[in-house]
Amino acid sequence: MTRTGPRSLIVLAVLGLSLGVLLAGRVPSTPLASPVTLLLVALVLLALGRMVTDRVRPPGRARPAARPATPEQLVRAVVLAKASSPTGALLAGGYLGVFVGLVPSAAEALRRDAYVALAAAVAAALVVGAALLLERACLTPQDPGPRG
């Protein structure tokens, strides 16, 4: 498995930033549920990463109650992590672009949307971090895997 490299995540974040700046003010307002939902996704990814870490450790270092992970479970976790990190990067860039595009606005409603977009961008960045941690947790101790 090749690990997710920073180059692709940066490219996606810049693409999202560009689209966010272009579409700021032209799209419907950012719902308050966006940052909350992204934060919940980040927490789920972190919890899953913790669970996978406990189940992948060698038998002597694992928690006594932790059963070893099956290959299918690890594949599912890796797929979730590999899908979540680029999605989070694109969303973080997009919401940051909306923030940058709306901050200069004098209208109070648009300024509120700008701060909700900033909170969503931070939450999406947390999704990226949690997804990368989950991806790292899925590496078996015998195979560190190439970095790409």
C-alpha atoms as a PDB file:
ATOM      1  CA  MET A   1       0.000   0.000   0.000  1.00  0.00           C
ATOM      2  CA  THR A   2       1.296   3.440  -0.845  1.00  0.00           C
ATOM      3  CA  ARG A   3       0.585   5.995   1.815  1.00  0.00           C
ATOM      4  CA  THR A   4      -1.168   9.217   0.938  1.00  0.00           C
ATOM      5  CA  GLY A   5       1.438  11.847   0.198  1.00  0.00           C
ATOM      6  CA  PRO A   6       1.176  15.522   1.049  1.00  0.00           C
ATOM      7  CA  ARG A   7       1.509  16.614  -2.584  1.00  0.00           C
ATOM      8  CA  SER A   8      -1.887  15.292  -3.656  1.00  0.00           C
ATOM      9  CA  LEU A   9      -3.576  16.692  -0.553  1.00  0.00           C
ATOM     10  CA  ILE A  10      -2.043  20.133  -1.130  1.00  0.00           C
ATOM     11  CA  VAL A  11      -3.122  20.123  -4.786  1.00  0.00           C
ATOM     12  CA  LEU A  12      -6.684  19.232  -3.782  1.00  0.00           C
ATOM     13  CA  ALA A  13      -6.728  21.897  -1.059  1.00  0.00           C
ATOM     14  CA  VAL A  14      -5.527  24.563  -3.513  1.00  0.00           C
ATOM     15  CA  LEU A  15      -8.137  23.420  -6.045  1.00  0.00           C
ATOM     16  CA  GLY A  16     -10.821  23.661  -3.362  1.00  0.00           C
ATOM     17  CA  LEU A  17      -9.521  27.063  -2.287  1.00  0.00           C
ATOM     18  CA  SER A  18      -9.733  28.345  -5.856  1.00  0.00           C
ATOM     19  CA  LEU A  19     -13.268  27.041  -6.309  1.00  0.00           C
ATOM     20  CA  GLY A  20     -14.316  28.410  -2.932  1.00  0.00           C
ATOM     21  CA  VAL A  21     -13.072  31.906  -3.710  1.00  0.00           C
ATOM     22  CA  LEU A  22     -14.756  31.847  -7.129  1.00  0.00           C
ATOM     23  CA  LEU A  23     -18.081  30.616  -5.737  1.00  0.00           C
ATOM     24  CA  ALA A  24     -18.151  32.671  -2.515  1.00  0.00           C
ATOM     25  CA  GLY A  25     -21.388  34.623  -2.316  1.00  0.00           C
ATOM     26  CA  ARG A  26     -22.849  32.768  -5.314  1.00  0.00           C
ATOM     27  CA  VAL A  27     -23.706  29.559  -3.490  1.00  0.00           C
ATOM     28  CA  PRO A  28     -26.251  29.100  -0.706  1.00  0.00           C
ATOM     29  CA  SER A  29     -25.109  29.930   2.803  1.00  0.00           C
ATOM     30  CA  THR A  30     -22.984  27.416   4.669  1.00  0.00           C
ATOM     31  CA  PRO A  31     -25.219  25.460   7.059  1.00  0.00           C
ATOM     32  CA  LEU A  32     -24.231  25.261  10.712  1.00  0.00           C
ATOM     33  CA  ALA A  33     -24.383  21.483  10.425  1.00  0.00           C
ATOM     34  CA  SER A  34     -21.340  21.404   8.126  1.00  0.00           C
ATOM     35  CA  PRO A  35     -18.618  21.954  10.753  1.00  0.00           C
ATOM     36  CA  VAL A  36     -20.469  19.789  13.269  1.00  0.00           C
ATOM     37  CA  THR A  37     -20.798  16.914  10.813  1.00  0.00           C
ATOM     38  CA  LEU A  38     -17.165  17.157   9.744  1.00  0.00           C
ATOM     39  CA  LEU A  39     -16.082  17.193  13.372  1.00  0.00           C
ATOM     40  CA  LEU A  40     -18.129  14.052  14.036  1.00  0.00           C
ATOM     41  CA  VAL A  41     -16.515  12.356  11.021  1.00  0.00           C
ATOM     42  CA  ALA A  42     -13.070  13.275  12.383  1.00  0.00           C
ATOM     43  CA  LEU A  43     -13.969  11.817  15.781  1.00  0.00           C
ATOM     44  CA  VAL A  44     -15.211   8.582  14.195  1.00  0.00           C
ATOM     45  CA  LEU A  45     -12.002   8.294  12.182  1.00  0.00           C
ATOM     46  CA  LEU A  46      -9.914   8.874  15.317  1.00  0.00           C
ATOM     47  CA  ALA A  47     -11.870   6.263  17.268  1.00  0.00           C
ATOM     48  CA  LEU A  48     -11.521   3.787  14.426  1.00  0.00           C
ATOM     49  CA  GLY A  49      -7.794   4.517  14.261  1.00  0.00           C
ATOM     50  CA  ARG A  50      -7.448   3.812  17.970  1.00  0.00           C
ATOM     51  CA  MET A  51      -9.359   0.554  17.619  1.00  0.00           C
ATOM     52  CA  VAL A  52      -7.290  -0.541  14.613  1.00  0.00           C
ATOM     53  CA  THR A  53      -4.048   0.348  16.397  1.00  0.00           C
ATOM     54  CA  ASP A  54      -5.013  -1.875  19.315  1.00  0.00           C
ATOM     55  CA  ARG A  55      -5.920  -4.732  16.986  1.00  0.00           C
ATOM     56  CA  VAL A  56      -2.835  -4.560  14.743  1.00  0.00           C
ATOM     57  CA  ARG A  57      -0.222  -4.489  17.504  1.00  0.00           C
ATOM     58  CA  PRO A  58       1.870  -7.617  18.014  1.00  0.00           C
ATOM     59  CA  PRO A  59       0.320 -10.109  20.496  1.00  0.00           C
ATOM     60  CA  GLY A  60       2.651  -9.108  23.338  1.00  0.00           C
ATOM     61  CA  ARG A  61       1.855  -5.376  23.043  1.00  0.00           C
ATOM     62  CA  ALA A  62      -1.877  -5.544  22.343  1.00  0.00           C
ATOM     63  CA  ARG A  63      -4.527  -4.905  24.963  1.00  0.00           C
ATOM     64  CA  PRO A  64      -5.749  -8.179  26.464  1.00  0.00           C
ATOM     65  CA  ALA A  65      -9.335  -7.654  25.265  1.00  0.00           C
ATOM     66  CA  ALA A  66      -8.371  -6.705  21.697  1.00  0.00           C
ATOM     67  CA  ARG A  67      -8.937  -9.371  19.065  1.00  0.00           C
ATOM     68  CA  PRO A  68      -6.582  -9.347  16.087  1.00  0.00           C
ATOM     69  CA  ALA A  69      -7.938  -7.505  13.060  1.00  0.00           C
ATOM     70  CA  THR A  70      -8.930  -9.519  10.027  1.00  0.00           C
ATOM     71  CA  PRO A  71      -7.563  -8.511   6.618  1.00  0.00           C
ATOM     72  CA  GLU A  72     -11.065  -7.501   5.517  1.00  0.00           C
ATOM     73  CA  GLN A  73     -11.419  -5.110   8.445  1.00  0.00           C
ATOM     74  CA  LEU A  74      -8.072  -3.514   7.660  1.00  0.00           C
ATOM     75  CA  VAL A  75      -8.969  -3.146   3.987  1.00  0.00           C
ATOM     76  CA  ARG A  76     -12.218  -1.408   4.902  1.00  0.00           C
ATOM     77  CA  ALA A  77     -10.396   0.935   7.269  1.00  0.00           C
ATOM     78  CA  VAL A  78      -7.740   1.740   4.662  1.00  0.00           C
ATOM     79  CA  VAL A  79     -10.377   2.440   2.010  1.00  0.00           C
ATOM     80  CA  LEU A  80     -12.186   4.778   4.403  1.00  0.00           C
ATOM     81  CA  ALA A  81      -8.938   6.557   5.279  1.00  0.00           C
ATOM     82  CA  LYS A  82      -7.801   6.832   1.642  1.00  0.00           C
ATOM     83  CA  ALA A  83     -11.192   8.301   0.671  1.00  0.00           C
ATOM     84  CA  SER A  84     -11.486  10.647   3.645  1.00  0.00           C
ATOM     85  CA  SER A  85      -8.131  12.410   3.377  1.00  0.00           C
ATOM     86  CA  PRO A  86      -8.527  13.792  -0.176  1.00  0.00           C
ATOM     87  CA  THR A  87     -12.187  14.598   0.453  1.00  0.00           C
ATOM     88  CA  GLY A  88     -11.264  16.458   3.627  1.00  0.00           C
ATOM     89  CA  ALA A  89      -8.485  18.341   1.837  1.00  0.00           C
ATOM     90  CA  LEU A  90     -10.837  19.424  -0.951  1.00  0.00           C
ATOM     91  CA  LEU A  91     -13.486  20.504   1.563  1.00  0.00           C
ATOM     92  CA  ALA A  92     -10.964  22.319   3.766  1.00  0.00           C
ATOM     93  CA  GLY A  93      -9.698  24.270   0.776  1.00  0.00           C
ATOM     94  CA  GLY A  94     -13.204  24.976  -0.461  1.00  0.00           C
ATOM     95  CA  TYR A  95     -14.495  26.224   2.865  1.00  0.00           C
ATOM     96  CA  LEU A  96     -11.347  28.274   3.380  1.00  0.00           C
ATOM     97  CA  GLY A  97     -11.918  29.806  -0.054  1.00  0.00           C
ATOM     98  CA  VAL A  98     -15.484  30.693   0.875  1.00  0.00           C
ATOM     99  CA  PHE A  99     -14.157  32.292   4.061  1.00  0.00           C
ATOM    100  CA  VAL A 100     -11.568  34.335   2.145  1.00  0.00           C
ATOM    101  CA  GLY A 101     -14.183  35.361  -0.406  1.00  0.00           C
ATOM    102  CA  LEU A 102     -16.770  36.446   2.167  1.00  0.00           C
ATOM    103  CA  VAL A 103     -14.662  38.168   4.857  1.00  0.00           C
ATOM    104  CA  PRO A 104     -14.374  41.501   3.008  1.00  0.00           C
ATOM    105  CA  SER A 105     -18.167  41.677   2.778  1.00  0.00           C
ATOM    106  CA  ALA A 106     -19.876  44.297   4.884  1.00  0.00           C
ATOM    107  CA  ALA A 107     -23.165  42.397   5.092  1.00  0.00           C
ATOM    108  CA  GLU A 108     -23.696  40.792   8.500  1.00  0.00           C
ATOM    109  CA  ALA A 109     -25.326  37.654   7.066  1.00  0.00           C
ATOM    110  CA  LEU A 110     -22.393  37.029   4.742  1.00  0.00           C
ATOM    111  CA  ARG A 111     -19.931  37.616   7.569  1.00  0.00           C
ATOM    112  CA  ARG A 112     -21.732  34.959   9.661  1.00  0.00           C
ATOM    113  CA  ASP A 113     -21.451  32.562   6.723  1.00  0.00           C
ATOM    114  CA  ALA A 114     -17.750  33.351   6.511  1.00  0.00           C
ATOM    115  CA  TYR A 115     -17.147  32.278  10.108  1.00  0.00           C
ATOM    116  CA  VAL A 116     -19.213  29.118   9.675  1.00  0.00           C
ATOM    117  CA  ALA A 117     -17.117  28.355   6.583  1.00  0.00           C
ATOM    118  CA  LEU A 118     -13.935  28.906   8.609  1.00  0.00           C
ATOM    119  CA  ALA A 119     -15.161  26.481  11.281  1.00  0.00           C
ATOM    120  CA  ALA A 120     -15.992  23.961   8.548  1.00  0.00           C
ATOM    121  CA  ALA A 121     -12.513  24.388   7.044  1.00  0.00           C
ATOM    122  CA  VAL A 122     -10.895  23.670  10.413  1.00  0.00           C
ATOM    123  CA  ALA A 123     -13.137  20.630  10.913  1.00  0.00           C
ATOM    124  CA  ALA A 124     -12.292  19.368   7.409  1.00  0.00           C
ATOM    125  CA  ALA A 125      -8.586  19.748   8.197  1.00  0.00           C
ATOM    126  CA  LEU A 126      -9.200  17.624  11.296  1.00  0.00           C
ATOM    127  CA  VAL A 127     -10.798  15.006   9.037  1.00  0.00           C
ATOM    128  CA  VAL A 128      -7.616  14.957   6.941  1.00  0.00           C
ATOM    129  CA  GLY A 129      -5.454  14.510  10.020  1.00  0.00           C
ATOM    130  CA  ALA A 130      -7.654  11.778  11.460  1.00  0.00           C
ATOM    131  CA  ALA A 131      -7.756   9.962   8.111  1.00  0.00           C
ATOM    132  CA  LEU A 132      -3.972  10.047   7.853  1.00  0.00           C
ATOM    133  CA  LEU A 133      -3.688   8.674  11.388  1.00  0.00           C
ATOM    134  CA  LEU A 134      -6.136   5.893  10.521  1.00  0.00           C
ATOM    135  CA  GLU A 135      -4.135   5.080   7.402  1.00  0.00           C
ATOM    136  CA  ARG A 136      -0.976   4.905   9.477  1.00  0.00           C
ATOM    137  CA  ALA A 137      -2.695   2.686  12.047  1.00  0.00           C
ATOM    138  CA  CYS A 138      -3.533   0.188   9.318  1.00  0.00           C
ATOM    139  CA  LEU A 139       0.142  -0.441   8.578  1.00  0.00           C
ATOM    140  CA  THR A 140       1.222  -3.749  10.006  1.00  0.00           C
ATOM    141  CA  PRO A 141       4.405  -3.709  12.093  1.00  0.00           C
ATOM    142  CA  GLN A 142       6.091  -6.078   9.606  1.00  0.00           C
ATOM    143  CA  ASP A 143       5.345  -3.927   6.544  1.00  0.00           C
ATOM    144  CA  PRO A 144       5.870  -0.166   6.942  1.00  0.00           C
ATOM    145  CA  GLY A 145       4.914   0.275   3.273  1.00  0.00           C
ATOM    146  CA  PRO A 146       6.414   2.670   0.730  1.00  0.00           C
ATOM    147  CA  ARG A 147       5.652   6.366   0.900  1.00  0.00           C
ATOM    148  CA  GLY A 148       4.233   7.918  -2.249  1.00  0.00           C
END
